[in-house]
Amino acid sequence: MKAYWKNIRISPKKLRVVAELLRNKEATWALNFLKFAPKKWADLLYKVLHSAIANATNNNSQDASKLYIDQLVITKWIVYKRGQHISRWRMHPILKRTSNIRLELQVK
């Protein structure tokens, strides 16, 4: 009962803060928490968690109320390098970081 999302355009540092909150929580509680959190990471993690719950109910015939988040791993992926022009033909680097999410559910 897994779900993956690769190459997300958000920094892994921002996602890891929330991943600490959601580990070892009930899936339905986490879904409600993410639904009403007013941040970009909440919408992204909501989609991954919703997909994992749908995989568990459709593919493995599990009850959604008995599931909990076993693993939530956020890994670093490609860093897109851009630049901001400044005076005298120089440039400041802009790093656009991306992440991967791996979420696994287990039955209590």
PDB file of N, CA and C in Angstrom:
ATOM      1  N   MET A   1       0.835  -1.163   0.000  1.00  0.00           N
ATOM      2  CA  MET A   1       0.000   0.000   0.000  1.00  0.00           C
ATOM      3  C   MET A   1       0.885   1.232   0.000  1.00  0.00           C
ATOM      4  N   LYS A   2       1.333   1.568  -1.201  1.00  0.00           N
ATOM      5  CA  LYS A   2       2.305   2.640  -1.354  1.00  0.00           C
ATOM      6  C   LYS A   2       1.799   3.670  -2.345  1.00  0.00           C
ATOM      7  N   ALA A   3       2.401   4.828  -2.273  1.00  0.00           N
ATOM      8  CA  ALA A   3       2.172   5.878  -3.266  1.00  0.00           C
ATOM      9  C   ALA A   3       3.463   6.671  -3.409  1.00  0.00           C
ATOM     10  N   TYR A   4       3.782   7.022  -4.637  1.00  0.00           N
ATOM     11  CA  TYR A   4       4.976   7.796  -4.935  1.00  0.00           C
ATOM     12  C   TYR A   4       4.581   9.054  -5.684  1.00  0.00           C
ATOM     13  N   TRP A   5       5.392  10.084  -5.513  1.00  0.00           N
ATOM     14  CA  TRP A   5       5.287  11.265  -6.358  1.00  0.00           C
ATOM     15  C   TRP A   5       6.698  11.784  -6.545  1.00  0.00           C
ATOM     16  N   LYS A   6       7.131  11.862  -7.791  1.00  0.00           N
ATOM     17  CA  LYS A   6       8.504  12.236  -8.080  1.00  0.00           C
ATOM     18  C   LYS A   6       8.564  13.601  -8.747  1.00  0.00           C
ATOM     19  N   ASN A   7       9.666  14.264  -8.521  1.00  0.00           N
ATOM     20  CA  ASN A   7       9.983  15.539  -9.166  1.00  0.00           C
ATOM     21  C   ASN A   7       8.954  16.623  -8.848  1.00  0.00           C
ATOM     22  N   ILE A   8       8.683  16.824  -7.562  1.00  0.00           N
ATOM     23  CA  ILE A   8       7.767  17.867  -7.116  1.00  0.00           C
ATOM     24  C   ILE A   8       8.544  19.162  -6.963  1.00  0.00           C
ATOM     25  N   ARG A   9       7.981  20.251  -7.423  1.00  0.00           N
ATOM     26  CA  ARG A   9       8.688  21.534  -7.386  1.00  0.00           C
ATOM     27  C   ARG A   9       8.489  22.235  -6.049  1.00  0.00           C
ATOM     28  N   ILE A  10       9.021  21.613  -4.993  1.00  0.00           N
ATOM     29  CA  ILE A  10       9.036  22.227  -3.666  1.00  0.00           C
ATOM     30  C   ILE A  10      10.279  21.700  -2.964  1.00  0.00           C
ATOM     31  N   SER A  11      10.841  22.498  -2.116  1.00  0.00           N
ATOM     32  CA  SER A  11      12.063  22.117  -1.427  1.00  0.00           C
ATOM     33  C   SER A  11      11.814  20.964  -0.451  1.00  0.00           C
ATOM     34  N   PRO A  12      12.713  19.984  -0.388  1.00  0.00           N
ATOM     35  CA  PRO A  12      12.520  18.883   0.555  1.00  0.00           C
ATOM     36  C   PRO A  12      12.577  19.335   2.009  1.00  0.00           C
ATOM     37  N   LYS A  13      13.255  20.431   2.266  1.00  0.00           N
ATOM     38  CA  LYS A  13      13.339  20.946   3.630  1.00  0.00           C
ATOM     39  C   LYS A  13      11.968  21.364   4.152  1.00  0.00           C
ATOM     40  N   LYS A  14      11.147  21.941   3.283  1.00  0.00           N
ATOM     41  CA  LYS A  14       9.798  22.363   3.676  1.00  0.00           C
ATOM     42  C   LYS A  14       8.893  21.156   3.915  1.00  0.00           C
ATOM     43  N   LEU A  15       9.057  20.106   3.113  1.00  0.00           N
ATOM     44  CA  LEU A  15       8.217  18.924   3.257  1.00  0.00           C
ATOM     45  C   LEU A  15       8.592  18.097   4.490  1.00  0.00           C
ATOM     46  N   ARG A  16       9.859  18.071   4.829  1.00  0.00           N
ATOM     47  CA  ARG A  16      10.303  17.241   5.961  1.00  0.00           C
ATOM     48  C   ARG A  16       9.750  17.730   7.296  1.00  0.00           C
ATOM     49  N   VAL A  17       9.503  19.011   7.421  1.00  0.00           N
ATOM     50  CA  VAL A  17       8.933  19.555   8.656  1.00  0.00           C
ATOM     51  C   VAL A  17       7.568  18.943   8.926  1.00  0.00           C
ATOM     52  N   VAL A  18       6.766  18.819   7.893  1.00  0.00           N
ATOM     53  CA  VAL A  18       5.427  18.263   8.042  1.00  0.00           C
ATOM     54  C   VAL A  18       5.465  16.745   8.119  1.00  0.00           C
ATOM     55  N   ALA A  19       6.428  16.145   7.458  1.00  0.00           N
ATOM     56  CA  ALA A  19       6.542  14.684   7.494  1.00  0.00           C
ATOM     57  C   ALA A  19       6.745  14.189   8.926  1.00  0.00           C
ATOM     58  N   GLU A  20       7.437  14.970   9.731  1.00  0.00           N
ATOM     59  CA  GLU A  20       7.617  14.607  11.139  1.00  0.00           C
ATOM     60  C   GLU A  20       6.285  14.576  11.883  1.00  0.00           C
ATOM     61  N   LEU A  21       5.378  15.473  11.529  1.00  0.00           N
ATOM     62  CA  LEU A  21       4.067  15.512  12.184  1.00  0.00           C
ATOM     63  C   LEU A  21       3.190  14.330  11.798  1.00  0.00           C
ATOM     64  N   LEU A  22       3.313  13.868  10.555  1.00  0.00           N
ATOM     65  CA  LEU A  22       2.381  12.881  10.029  1.00  0.00           C
ATOM     66  C   LEU A  22       2.807  11.434  10.239  1.00  0.00           C
ATOM     67  N   ARG A  23       4.062  11.191  10.521  1.00  0.00           N
ATOM     68  CA  ARG A  23       4.508   9.805  10.696  1.00  0.00           C
ATOM     69  C   ARG A  23       3.812   9.152  11.881  1.00  0.00           C
ATOM     70  N   ASN A  24       3.414   7.890  11.696  1.00  0.00           N
ATOM     71  CA  ASN A  24       2.755   7.057  12.715  1.00  0.00           C
ATOM     72  C   ASN A  24       1.389   7.609  13.144  1.00  0.00           C
ATOM     73  N   LYS A  25       0.741   8.369  12.295  1.00  0.00           N
ATOM     74  CA  LYS A  25      -0.613   8.865  12.576  1.00  0.00           C
ATOM     75  C   LYS A  25      -1.614   8.059  11.757  1.00  0.00           C
ATOM     76  N   GLU A  26      -2.872   8.136  12.173  1.00  0.00           N
ATOM     77  CA  GLU A  26      -3.929   7.491  11.404  1.00  0.00           C
ATOM     78  C   GLU A  26      -4.100   8.210  10.069  1.00  0.00           C
ATOM     79  N   ALA A  27      -4.405   7.439   9.039  1.00  0.00           N
ATOM     80  CA  ALA A  27      -4.504   8.004   7.691  1.00  0.00           C
ATOM     81  C   ALA A  27      -5.672   8.976   7.572  1.00  0.00           C
ATOM     82  N   THR A  28      -6.803   8.661   8.200  1.00  0.00           N
ATOM     83  CA  THR A  28      -7.963   9.557   8.099  1.00  0.00           C
ATOM     84  C   THR A  28      -7.709  10.864   8.849  1.00  0.00           C
ATOM     85  N   TRP A  29      -7.025  10.787   9.998  1.00  0.00           N
ATOM     86  CA  TRP A  29      -6.684  12.003  10.744  1.00  0.00           C
ATOM     87  C   TRP A  29      -5.744  12.876   9.916  1.00  0.00           C
ATOM     88  N   ALA A  30      -4.745  12.256   9.302  1.00  0.00           N
ATOM     89  CA  ALA A  30      -3.777  13.004   8.495  1.00  0.00           C
ATOM     90  C   ALA A  30      -4.445  13.630   7.274  1.00  0.00           C
ATOM     91  N   LEU A  31      -5.402  12.922   6.686  1.00  0.00           N
ATOM     92  CA  LEU A  31      -6.119  13.448   5.532  1.00  0.00           C
ATOM     93  C   LEU A  31      -6.910  14.707   5.905  1.00  0.00           C
ATOM     94  N   ASN A  32      -7.580  14.679   7.050  1.00  0.00           N
ATOM     95  CA  ASN A  32      -8.316  15.860   7.515  1.00  0.00           C
ATOM     96  C   ASN A  32      -7.383  17.004   7.870  1.00  0.00           C
ATOM     97  N   PHE A  33      -6.244  16.685   8.485  1.00  0.00           N
ATOM     98  CA  PHE A  33      -5.261  17.710   8.833  1.00  0.00           C
ATOM     99  C   PHE A  33      -4.753  18.410   7.576  1.00  0.00           C
ATOM    100  N   LEU A  34      -4.416  17.636   6.553  1.00  0.00           N
ATOM    101  CA  LEU A  34      -3.867  18.212   5.322  1.00  0.00           C
ATOM    102  C   LEU A  34      -4.921  18.956   4.509  1.00  0.00           C
ATOM    103  N   LYS A  35      -6.161  18.550   4.636  1.00  0.00           N
ATOM    104  CA  LYS A  35      -7.233  19.181   3.870  1.00  0.00           C
ATOM    105  C   LYS A  35      -7.430  20.640   4.275  1.00  0.00           C
ATOM    106  N   PHE A  36      -7.233  20.940   5.558  1.00  0.00           N
ATOM    107  CA  PHE A  36      -7.499  22.294   6.051  1.00  0.00           C
ATOM    108  C   PHE A  36      -6.236  23.100   6.354  1.00  0.00           C
ATOM    109  N   ALA A  37      -5.065  22.552   6.091  1.00  0.00           N
ATOM    110  CA  ALA A  37      -3.828  23.308   6.296  1.00  0.00           C
ATOM    111  C   ALA A  37      -3.626  24.251   5.108  1.00  0.00           C
ATOM    112  N   PRO A  38      -3.351  25.534   5.349  1.00  0.00           N
ATOM    113  CA  PRO A  38      -3.319  26.515   4.258  1.00  0.00           C
ATOM    114  C   PRO A  38      -1.934  26.701   3.627  1.00  0.00           C
ATOM    115  N   LYS A  39      -1.268  25.631   3.263  1.00  0.00           N
ATOM    116  CA  LYS A  39       0.062  25.738   2.677  1.00  0.00           C
ATOM    117  C   LYS A  39       0.136  24.908   1.402  1.00  0.00           C
ATOM    118  N   LYS A  40       1.162  25.159   0.593  1.00  0.00           N
ATOM    119  CA  LYS A  40       1.354  24.411  -0.648  1.00  0.00           C
ATOM    120  C   LYS A  40       1.678  22.948  -0.357  1.00  0.00           C
ATOM    121  N   TRP A  41       2.501  22.706   0.648  1.00  0.00           N
ATOM    122  CA  TRP A  41       2.883  21.328   0.965  1.00  0.00           C
ATOM    123  C   TRP A  41       1.690  20.505   1.390  1.00  0.00           C
ATOM    124  N   ALA A  42       0.682  21.137   1.979  1.00  0.00           N
ATOM    125  CA  ALA A  42      -0.497  20.405   2.441  1.00  0.00           C
ATOM    126  C   ALA A  42      -1.262  19.827   1.253  1.00  0.00           C
ATOM    127  N   ASP A  43      -1.409  20.595   0.206  1.00  0.00           N
ATOM    128  CA  ASP A  43      -2.119  20.116  -0.974  1.00  0.00           C
ATOM    129  C   ASP A  43      -1.359  18.973  -1.645  1.00  0.00           C
ATOM    130  N   LEU A  44      -0.040  19.087  -1.712  1.00  0.00           N
ATOM    131  CA  LEU A  44       0.773  18.041  -2.337  1.00  0.00           C
ATOM    132  C   LEU A  44       0.719  16.737  -1.542  1.00  0.00           C
ATOM    133  N   LEU A  45       0.885  16.829  -0.238  1.00  0.00           N
ATOM    134  CA  LEU A  45       0.842  15.627   0.594  1.00  0.00           C
ATOM    135  C   LEU A  45      -0.560  15.036   0.663  1.00  0.00           C
ATOM    136  N   TYR A  46      -1.586  15.876   0.565  1.00  0.00           N
ATOM    137  CA  TYR A  46      -2.962  15.382   0.551  1.00  0.00           C
ATOM    138  C   TYR A  46      -3.181  14.470  -0.655  1.00  0.00           C
ATOM    139  N   LYS A  47      -2.680  14.889  -1.812  1.00  0.00           N
ATOM    140  CA  LYS A  47      -2.854  14.098  -3.025  1.00  0.00           C
ATOM    141  C   LYS A  47      -2.148  12.748  -2.921  1.00  0.00           C
ATOM    142  N   VAL A  48      -0.946  12.738  -2.357  1.00  0.00           N
ATOM    143  CA  VAL A  48      -0.201  11.486  -2.220  1.00  0.00           C
ATOM    144  C   VAL A  48      -0.897  10.565  -1.226  1.00  0.00           C
ATOM    145  N   LEU A  49      -1.328  11.105  -0.100  1.00  0.00           N
ATOM    146  CA  LEU A  49      -2.003  10.289   0.916  1.00  0.00           C
ATOM    147  C   LEU A  49      -3.340   9.760   0.398  1.00  0.00           C
ATOM    148  N   HIS A  50      -4.079  10.592  -0.321  1.00  0.00           N
ATOM    149  CA  HIS A  50      -5.352  10.157  -0.893  1.00  0.00           C
ATOM    150  C   HIS A  50      -5.133   9.024  -1.895  1.00  0.00           C
ATOM    151  N   SER A  51      -4.070   9.120  -2.679  1.00  0.00           N
ATOM    152  CA  SER A  51      -3.733   8.076  -3.640  1.00  0.00           C
ATOM    153  C   SER A  51      -3.363   6.773  -2.932  1.00  0.00           C
ATOM    154  N   ALA A  52      -2.603   6.865  -1.841  1.00  0.00           N
ATOM    155  CA  ALA A  52      -2.208   5.663  -1.094  1.00  0.00           C
ATOM    156  C   ALA A  52      -3.427   4.983  -0.469  1.00  0.00           C
ATOM    157  N   ILE A  53      -4.361   5.772   0.059  1.00  0.00           N
ATOM    158  CA  ILE A  53      -5.579   5.202   0.647  1.00  0.00           C
ATOM    159  C   ILE A  53      -6.427   4.539  -0.437  1.00  0.00           C
ATOM    160  N   ALA A  54      -6.518   5.179  -1.600  1.00  0.00           N
ATOM    161  CA  ALA A  54      -7.267   4.585  -2.710  1.00  0.00           C
ATOM    162  C   ALA A  54      -6.617   3.289  -3.180  1.00  0.00           C
ATOM    163  N   ASN A  55      -5.290   3.241  -3.211  1.00  0.00           N
ATOM    164  CA  ASN A  55      -4.586   2.009  -3.577  1.00  0.00           C
ATOM    165  C   ASN A  55      -4.885   0.902  -2.575  1.00  0.00           C
ATOM    166  N   ALA A  56      -4.903   1.246  -1.301  1.00  0.00           N
ATOM    167  CA  ALA A  56      -5.142   0.244  -0.260  1.00  0.00           C
ATOM    168  C   ALA A  56      -6.572  -0.299  -0.324  1.00  0.00           C
ATOM    169  N   THR A  57      -7.540   0.572  -0.557  1.00  0.00           N
ATOM    170  CA  THR A  57      -8.935   0.115  -0.575  1.00  0.00           C
ATOM    171  C   THR A  57      -9.269  -0.647  -1.854  1.00  0.00           C
ATOM    172  N   ASN A  58      -8.765  -0.188  -3.000  1.00  0.00           N
ATOM    173  CA  ASN A  58      -9.112  -0.834  -4.268  1.00  0.00           C
ATOM    174  C   ASN A  58      -8.279  -2.078  -4.550  1.00  0.00           C
ATOM    175  N   ASN A  59      -6.967  -1.999  -4.337  1.00  0.00           N
ATOM    176  CA  ASN A  59      -6.090  -3.110  -4.710  1.00  0.00           C
ATOM    177  C   ASN A  59      -5.994  -4.179  -3.623  1.00  0.00           C
ATOM    178  N   ASN A  60      -6.004  -3.775  -2.352  1.00  0.00           N
ATOM    179  CA  ASN A  60      -5.789  -4.725  -1.256  1.00  0.00           C
ATOM    180  C   ASN A  60      -7.023  -4.956  -0.401  1.00  0.00           C
ATOM    181  N   SER A  61      -8.131  -4.338  -0.732  1.00  0.00           N
ATOM    182  CA  SER A  61      -9.406  -4.500  -0.003  1.00  0.00           C
ATOM    183  C   SER A  61      -9.274  -4.201   1.490  1.00  0.00           C
ATOM    184  N   GLN A  62      -8.594  -3.124   1.821  1.00  0.00           N
ATOM    185  CA  GLN A  62      -8.413  -2.723   3.220  1.00  0.00           C
ATOM    186  C   GLN A  62      -9.444  -1.667   3.600  1.00  0.00           C
ATOM    187  N   ASP A  63      -9.728  -1.600   4.890  1.00  0.00           N
ATOM    188  CA  ASP A  63     -10.628  -0.578   5.415  1.00  0.00           C
ATOM    189  C   ASP A  63      -9.822   0.686   5.687  1.00  0.00           C
ATOM    190  N   ALA A  64     -10.275   1.829   5.186  1.00  0.00           N
ATOM    191  CA  ALA A  64      -9.524   3.081   5.300  1.00  0.00           C
ATOM    192  C   ALA A  64      -9.383   3.543   6.745  1.00  0.00           C
ATOM    193  N   SER A  65     -10.333   3.184   7.597  1.00  0.00           N
ATOM    194  CA  SER A  65     -10.272   3.638   8.992  1.00  0.00           C
ATOM    195  C   SER A  65      -9.218   2.896   9.806  1.00  0.00           C
ATOM    196  N   LYS A  66      -8.723   1.767   9.323  1.00  0.00           N
ATOM    197  CA  LYS A  66      -7.728   0.984  10.060  1.00  0.00           C
ATOM    198  C   LYS A  66      -6.295   1.231   9.587  1.00  0.00           C
ATOM    199  N   LEU A  67      -6.116   2.136   8.652  1.00  0.00           N
ATOM    200  CA  LEU A  67      -4.788   2.395   8.097  1.00  0.00           C
ATOM    201  C   LEU A  67      -4.068   3.485   8.871  1.00  0.00           C
ATOM    202  N   TYR A  68      -2.746   3.362   8.938  1.00  0.00           N
ATOM    203  CA  TYR A  68      -1.923   4.425   9.498  1.00  0.00           C
ATOM    204  C   TYR A  68      -0.683   4.596   8.642  1.00  0.00           C
ATOM    205  N   ILE A  69      -0.039   5.734   8.761  1.00  0.00           N
ATOM    206  CA  ILE A  69       1.134   6.052   7.950  1.00  0.00           C
ATOM    207  C   ILE A  69       2.350   5.394   8.582  1.00  0.00           C
ATOM    208  N   ASP A  70       2.901   4.413   7.881  1.00  0.00           N
ATOM    209  CA  ASP A  70       4.062   3.684   8.389  1.00  0.00           C
ATOM    210  C   ASP A  70       5.354   4.414   8.031  1.00  0.00           C
ATOM    211  N   GLN A  71       5.521   4.743   6.755  1.00  0.00           N
ATOM    212  CA  GLN A  71       6.715   5.456   6.317  1.00  0.00           C
ATOM    213  C   GLN A  71       6.306   6.639   5.453  1.00  0.00           C
ATOM    214  N   LEU A  72       6.968   7.749   5.684  1.00  0.00           N
ATOM    215  CA  LEU A  72       6.801   8.937   4.849  1.00  0.00           C
ATOM    216  C   LEU A  72       8.196   9.492   4.630  1.00  0.00           C
ATOM    217  N   VAL A  73       8.745   9.212   3.454  1.00  0.00           N
ATOM    218  CA  VAL A  73      10.137   9.550   3.166  1.00  0.00           C
ATOM    219  C   VAL A  73      10.174  10.657   2.121  1.00  0.00           C
ATOM    220  N   ILE A  74      10.871  11.726   2.446  1.00  0.00           N
ATOM    221  CA  ILE A  74      11.061  12.853   1.534  1.00  0.00           C
ATOM    222  C   ILE A  74      12.532  12.857   1.121  1.00  0.00           C
ATOM    223  N   THR A  75      12.793  12.767  -0.175  1.00  0.00           N
ATOM    224  CA  THR A  75      14.170  12.761  -0.656  1.00  0.00           C
ATOM    225  C   THR A  75      14.401  13.914  -1.626  1.00  0.00           C
ATOM    226  N   LYS A  76      15.646  14.308  -1.710  1.00  0.00           N
ATOM    227  CA  LYS A  76      16.054  15.382  -2.602  1.00  0.00           C
ATOM    228  C   LYS A  76      16.152  14.837  -4.023  1.00  0.00           C
ATOM    229  N   TRP A  77      15.826  15.662  -4.996  1.00  0.00           N
ATOM    230  CA  TRP A  77      15.900  15.253  -6.385  1.00  0.00           C
ATOM    231  C   TRP A  77      16.670  16.310  -7.150  1.00  0.00           C
ATOM    232  N   ILE A  78      16.366  16.559  -8.380  1.00  0.00           N
ATOM    233  CA  ILE A  78      17.122  17.467  -9.233  1.00  0.00           C
ATOM    234  C   ILE A  78      17.033  18.905  -8.709  1.00  0.00           C
ATOM    235  N   VAL A  79      18.114  19.651  -8.862  1.00  0.00           N
ATOM    236  CA  VAL A  79      18.124  21.077  -8.539  1.00  0.00           C
ATOM    237  C   VAL A  79      18.309  21.841  -9.845  1.00  0.00           C
ATOM    238  N   TYR A  80      17.283  22.599 -10.215  1.00  0.00           N
ATOM    239  CA  TYR A  80      17.367  23.416 -11.421  1.00  0.00           C
ATOM    240  C   TYR A  80      18.115  24.695 -11.067  1.00  0.00           C
ATOM    241  N   LYS A  81      19.125  25.002 -11.884  1.00  0.00           N
ATOM    242  CA  LYS A  81      19.949  26.169 -11.591  1.00  0.00           C
ATOM    243  C   LYS A  81      19.599  27.300 -12.549  1.00  0.00           C
ATOM    244  N   ARG A  82      19.179  28.405 -11.976  1.00  0.00           N
ATOM    245  CA  ARG A  82      18.840  29.602 -12.728  1.00  0.00           C
ATOM    246  C   ARG A  82      19.680  30.750 -12.167  1.00  0.00           C
ATOM    247  N   GLY A  83      19.563  31.916 -12.759  1.00  0.00           N
ATOM    248  CA  GLY A  83      20.336  33.040 -12.268  1.00  0.00           C
ATOM    249  C   GLY A  83      19.584  34.345 -12.371  1.00  0.00           C
ATOM    250  N   GLN A  84      19.943  35.263 -11.497  1.00  0.00           N
ATOM    251  CA  GLN A  84      19.390  36.610 -11.520  1.00  0.00           C
ATOM    252  C   GLN A  84      20.526  37.567 -11.880  1.00  0.00           C
ATOM    253  N   HIS A  85      20.311  38.318 -12.950  1.00  0.00           N
ATOM    254  CA  HIS A  85      21.343  39.245 -13.396  1.00  0.00           C
ATOM    255  C   HIS A  85      21.459  40.403 -12.432  1.00  0.00           C
ATOM    256  N   ILE A  86      22.710  40.775 -12.167  1.00  0.00           N
ATOM    257  CA  ILE A  86      22.977  41.966 -11.357  1.00  0.00           C
ATOM    258  C   ILE A  86      23.950  42.835 -12.140  1.00  0.00           C
ATOM    259  N   SER A  87      24.477  43.847 -11.513  1.00  0.00           N
ATOM    260  CA  SER A  87      25.299  44.813 -12.227  1.00  0.00           C
ATOM    261  C   SER A  87      26.636  44.220 -12.679  1.00  0.00           C
ATOM    262  N   ARG A  88      27.199  44.846 -13.672  1.00  0.00           N
ATOM    263  CA  ARG A  88      28.515  44.515 -14.229  1.00  0.00           C
ATOM    264  C   ARG A  88      28.607  43.072 -14.729  1.00  0.00           C
ATOM    265  N   TRP A  89      27.563  42.606 -15.414  1.00  0.00           N
ATOM    266  CA  TRP A  89      27.528  41.305 -16.083  1.00  0.00           C
ATOM    267  C   TRP A  89      27.684  40.126 -15.135  1.00  0.00           C
ATOM    268  N   ARG A  90      27.355  40.337 -13.875  1.00  0.00           N
ATOM    269  CA  ARG A  90      27.430  39.231 -12.919  1.00  0.00           C
ATOM    270  C   ARG A  90      26.040  38.645 -12.701  1.00  0.00           C
ATOM    271  N   MET A  91      26.015  37.569 -11.919  1.00  0.00           N
ATOM    272  CA  MET A  91      24.760  36.872 -11.727  1.00  0.00           C
ATOM    273  C   MET A  91      24.710  36.247 -10.337  1.00  0.00           C
ATOM    274  N   HIS A  92      23.535  36.316  -9.715  1.00  0.00           N
ATOM    275  CA  HIS A  92      23.308  35.603  -8.462  1.00  0.00           C
ATOM    276  C   HIS A  92      22.616  34.288  -8.785  1.00  0.00           C
ATOM    277  N   PRO A  93      23.063  33.191  -8.169  1.00  0.00           N
ATOM    278  CA  PRO A  93      22.416  31.907  -8.473  1.00  0.00           C
ATOM    279  C   PRO A  93      21.059  31.770  -7.795  1.00  0.00           C
ATOM    280  N   ILE A  94      20.132  31.147  -8.500  1.00  0.00           N
ATOM    281  CA  ILE A  94      18.826  30.786  -7.953  1.00  0.00           C
ATOM    282  C   ILE A  94      18.693  29.283  -8.109  1.00  0.00           C
ATOM    283  N   LEU A  95      18.514  28.568  -6.996  1.00  0.00           N
ATOM    284  CA  LEU A  95      18.403  27.116  -7.016  1.00  0.00           C
ATOM    285  C   LEU A  95      16.943  26.723  -6.809  1.00  0.00           C
ATOM    286  N   LYS A  96      16.368  26.088  -7.804  1.00  0.00           N
ATOM    287  CA  LYS A  96      14.984  25.619  -7.718  1.00  0.00           C
ATOM    288  C   LYS A  96      15.026  24.133  -7.381  1.00  0.00           C
ATOM    289  N   ARG A  97      14.759  23.832  -6.121  1.00  0.00           N
ATOM    290  CA  ARG A  97      14.905  22.466  -5.636  1.00  0.00           C
ATOM    291  C   ARG A  97      13.636  21.656  -5.866  1.00  0.00           C
ATOM    292  N   THR A  98      13.817  20.351  -6.072  1.00  0.00           N
ATOM    293  CA  THR A  98      12.694  19.442  -6.266  1.00  0.00           C
ATOM    294  C   THR A  98      12.804  18.280  -5.294  1.00  0.00           C
ATOM    295  N   SER A  99      11.688  17.560  -5.094  1.00  0.00           N
ATOM    296  CA  SER A  99      11.616  16.507  -4.088  1.00  0.00           C
ATOM    297  C   SER A  99      10.927  15.275  -4.645  1.00  0.00           C
ATOM    298  N   ASN A 100      11.104  14.173  -3.929  1.00  0.00           N
ATOM    299  CA  ASN A 100      10.349  12.948  -4.152  1.00  0.00           C
ATOM    300  C   ASN A 100       9.650  12.590  -2.852  1.00  0.00           C
ATOM    301  N   ILE A 101       8.450  12.016  -2.959  1.00  0.00           N
ATOM    302  CA  ILE A 101       7.717  11.566  -1.780  1.00  0.00           C
ATOM    303  C   ILE A 101       7.433  10.074  -1.943  1.00  0.00           C
ATOM    304  N   ARG A 102       7.735   9.306  -0.900  1.00  0.00           N
ATOM    305  CA  ARG A 102       7.344   7.889  -0.847  1.00  0.00           C
ATOM    306  C   ARG A 102       6.545   7.694   0.430  1.00  0.00           C
ATOM    307  N   LEU A 103       5.308   7.233   0.294  1.00  0.00           N
ATOM    308  CA  LEU A 103       4.421   7.072   1.431  1.00  0.00           C
ATOM    309  C   LEU A 103       3.936   5.623   1.475  1.00  0.00           C
ATOM    310  N   GLU A 104       4.064   4.991   2.645  1.00  0.00           N
ATOM    311  CA  GLU A 104       3.603   3.612   2.821  1.00  0.00           C
ATOM    312  C   GLU A 104       2.620   3.559   3.974  1.00  0.00           C
ATOM    313  N   LEU A 105       1.531   2.837   3.758  1.00  0.00           N
ATOM    314  CA  LEU A 105       0.508   2.651   4.774  1.00  0.00           C
ATOM    315  C   LEU A 105       0.538   1.219   5.302  1.00  0.00           C
ATOM    316  N   GLN A 106       0.154   1.034   6.550  1.00  0.00           N
ATOM    317  CA  GLN A 106       0.034  -0.284   7.160  1.00  0.00           C
ATOM    318  C   GLN A 106      -1.316  -0.377   7.865  1.00  0.00           C
ATOM    319  N   VAL A 107      -1.725  -1.604   8.154  1.00  0.00           N
ATOM    320  CA  VAL A 107      -2.976  -1.840   8.854  1.00  0.00           C
ATOM    321  C   VAL A 107      -2.665  -2.014  10.326  1.00  0.00           C
ATOM    322  N   LYS A 108      -3.512  -1.419  11.182  1.00  0.00           N
ATOM    323  CA  LYS A 108      -3.321  -1.562  12.634  1.00  0.00           C
ATOM    324  C   LYS A 108      -3.704  -2.942  13.089  1.00  0.00           C
TER     325      LYS A 108
END
